[in-house]
């Protein structure tokens, strides 16, 4: 089974649709570094990927919206860096909910966010550091 996934040629991709890698039991890491033109992430993006520990979001500088249940239930992820999401304006409900090992989330670039849905970071019982100061501007 696949443990590591890397996108080497995704320059034409602008939308990642609903259920992308939903409930994939063996994926441990995903590298999106070549998907620079993505503007939207569909519902249940990486939903309940129980073995996931690392995701490289460095290329998602053009993402404007994240639909519901983004990485919800990814119980082994400890750190999320959202600093590439500089154009993000909408975060739907159940964003990173039930990520029980999540300790650190970097949100300093989220200065354009105008809408956050319910269950934002709900049941992330291990959180130690979340900087939400960008969301108040």
Protein backbone atom coordinates (compact mmCIF):
# COMPACT_ATOMS: atom_id res chain seq x y z
CA UNK A 1 0.00 0.00 0.00
CA UNK A 2 1.04 3.60 -0.64
CA UNK A 3 2.65 5.38 2.36
CA UNK A 4 4.04 8.55 0.74
CA UNK A 5 2.42 10.52 -2.04
CA UNK A 6 4.05 13.30 -4.06
CA UNK A 7 2.60 15.30 -6.94
CA UNK A 8 5.31 15.89 -9.51
CA UNK A 9 3.24 17.39 -12.33
CA UNK A 10 0.08 19.16 -11.30
CA UNK A 11 0.47 22.60 -12.80
CA UNK A 12 -2.89 22.37 -14.61
CA UNK A 13 -4.87 21.44 -11.47
CA UNK A 14 -6.93 24.32 -10.01
CA UNK A 15 -9.43 22.44 -7.82
CA UNK A 16 -8.98 19.40 -5.61
CA UNK A 17 -12.42 17.82 -5.46
CA UNK A 18 -14.50 16.29 -2.70
CA UNK A 19 -13.20 13.30 -0.77
CA UNK A 20 -9.57 13.59 -1.90
CA UNK A 21 -7.77 10.63 -0.24
CA UNK A 22 -10.75 10.32 2.13
CA UNK A 23 -10.21 7.63 4.75
CA UNK A 24 -7.01 6.37 3.13
CA UNK A 25 -5.63 4.07 5.84
CA UNK A 26 -1.94 3.90 4.91
CA UNK A 27 -0.90 7.38 3.68
CA UNK A 28 1.68 8.80 6.09
CA UNK A 29 2.80 11.89 4.13
CA UNK A 30 1.64 13.97 1.19
CA UNK A 31 3.72 16.47 -0.78
CA UNK A 32 1.61 18.99 -2.72
CA UNK A 33 4.62 21.17 -3.62
CA UNK A 34 3.91 21.09 -7.38
CA UNK A 35 0.22 22.02 -7.25
CA UNK A 36 0.75 25.80 -7.35
CA UNK A 37 -2.45 26.69 -9.23
CA UNK A 38 -4.94 25.14 -6.81
CA UNK A 39 -7.57 27.68 -5.65
CA UNK A 40 -10.05 25.43 -3.83
CA UNK A 41 -9.97 22.32 -1.65
CA UNK A 42 -13.12 20.20 -1.70
CA UNK A 43 -15.14 18.67 1.12
CA UNK A 44 -13.45 15.97 3.23
CA UNK A 45 -9.93 16.78 1.98
CA UNK A 46 -7.65 14.16 3.61
CA UNK A 47 -10.60 13.23 5.84
CA UNK A 48 -9.82 10.59 8.49
CA UNK A 49 -6.44 9.60 7.10
CA UNK A 50 -5.50 7.72 10.25
CA UNK A 51 -1.80 7.18 9.39
CA UNK A 52 -1.08 10.70 8.13
CA UNK A 53 1.73 12.48 9.99
CA UNK A 54 2.96 15.17 7.54
CA UNK A 55 1.55 17.33 4.74
CA UNK A 56 3.54 19.84 2.68
CA UNK A 57 1.22 22.75 1.85
CA UNK A 58 4.03 25.06 0.65
CA UNK A 59 2.53 25.52 -2.81
CA UNK A 60 -1.03 26.40 -1.76
CA UNK A 61 -0.46 30.15 -2.08
CA UNK A 62 -3.50 30.56 -4.36
CA UNK A 63 -6.06 28.65 -2.28
CA UNK A 64 -9.04 30.89 -1.50
CA UNK A 65 -11.44 28.41 0.08
CA UNK A 66 -11.30 25.26 2.17
CA UNK A 67 -14.53 23.30 2.25
CA UNK A 68 -15.88 21.28 5.18
CA UNK A 69 -14.05 18.58 7.14
CA UNK A 70 -10.54 19.61 6.06
CA UNK A 71 -8.22 16.95 7.53
CA UNK A 72 -10.86 16.09 10.13
CA UNK A 73 -9.88 12.98 12.09
CA UNK A 74 -6.21 12.91 11.06
CA UNK A 75 -5.27 11.74 14.53
CA UNK A 76 -1.47 11.41 14.09
CA UNK A 77 -0.69 14.87 12.66
CA UNK A 78 1.20 16.94 15.26
CA UNK A 79 2.04 20.13 13.34
CA UNK A 80 0.28 22.07 10.57
CA UNK A 81 1.80 25.08 8.83
CA UNK A 82 -0.86 27.14 7.08
CA UNK A 83 1.45 30.05 6.29
CA UNK A 84 1.28 29.43 2.52
CA UNK A 85 -2.52 30.05 2.53
CA UNK A 86 -2.14 33.83 2.10
CA UNK A 87 -5.25 34.20 -0.11
CA UNK A 88 -7.55 32.04 1.99
CA UNK A 89 -10.83 33.80 2.79
CA UNK A 90 -13.22 30.98 3.74
CA UNK A 91 -12.80 28.06 6.13
CA UNK A 92 -15.87 25.82 6.26
CA UNK A 93 -17.04 23.81 9.27
CA UNK A 94 -15.10 20.98 10.93
CA UNK A 95 -11.68 22.40 10.03
CA UNK A 96 -8.99 20.14 11.54
CA UNK A 97 -11.50 18.76 14.05
CA UNK A 98 -10.69 15.56 15.89
CA UNK A 99 -6.95 15.87 15.26
CA UNK A 100 -6.13 14.49 18.69
CA UNK A 101 -2.31 14.67 18.33
CA UNK A 102 -2.20 18.19 16.85
CA UNK A 103 0.08 20.31 19.04
CA UNK A 104 1.00 23.29 16.86
CA UNK A 105 -0.78 25.18 14.12
CA UNK A 106 0.73 28.18 12.33
CA UNK A 107 -1.91 30.58 11.01
CA UNK A 108 0.00 33.87 10.77
CA UNK A 109 -0.69 34.28 7.03
CA UNK A 110 -4.47 33.95 7.30
CA UNK A 111 -5.06 37.71 7.16
CA UNK A 112 -7.78 37.49 4.47
CA UNK A 113 -10.03 35.01 6.28
CA UNK A 114 -13.52 36.47 6.70
CA UNK A 115 -15.49 33.31 7.49
CA UNK A 116 -14.82 30.33 9.78
CA UNK A 117 -17.37 27.56 10.18
CA UNK A 118 -18.44 25.69 13.31
CA UNK A 119 -16.26 23.00 14.92
CA UNK A 120 -13.03 24.89 14.11
CA UNK A 121 -10.25 22.84 15.80
CA UNK A 122 -12.86 20.98 17.87
CA UNK A 123 -11.55 18.01 19.87
CA UNK A 124 -7.91 18.86 19.24
CA UNK A 125 -7.06 17.95 22.81
CA UNK A 126 -3.25 18.14 22.48
CA UNK A 127 -3.02 21.73 21.20
CA UNK A 128 -0.15 23.63 22.78
CA UNK A 129 0.32 26.55 20.37
CA UNK A 130 -2.14 28.32 18.08
CA UNK A 131 -1.49 31.88 16.94
CA UNK A 132 -4.82 33.30 15.80
CA UNK A 133 -3.71 36.94 15.83
CA UNK A 134 -3.92 37.24 12.02
CA UNK A 135 -7.61 36.34 12.14
CA UNK A 136 -8.45 39.41 14.22
CA UNK A 137 -7.18 41.96 11.71
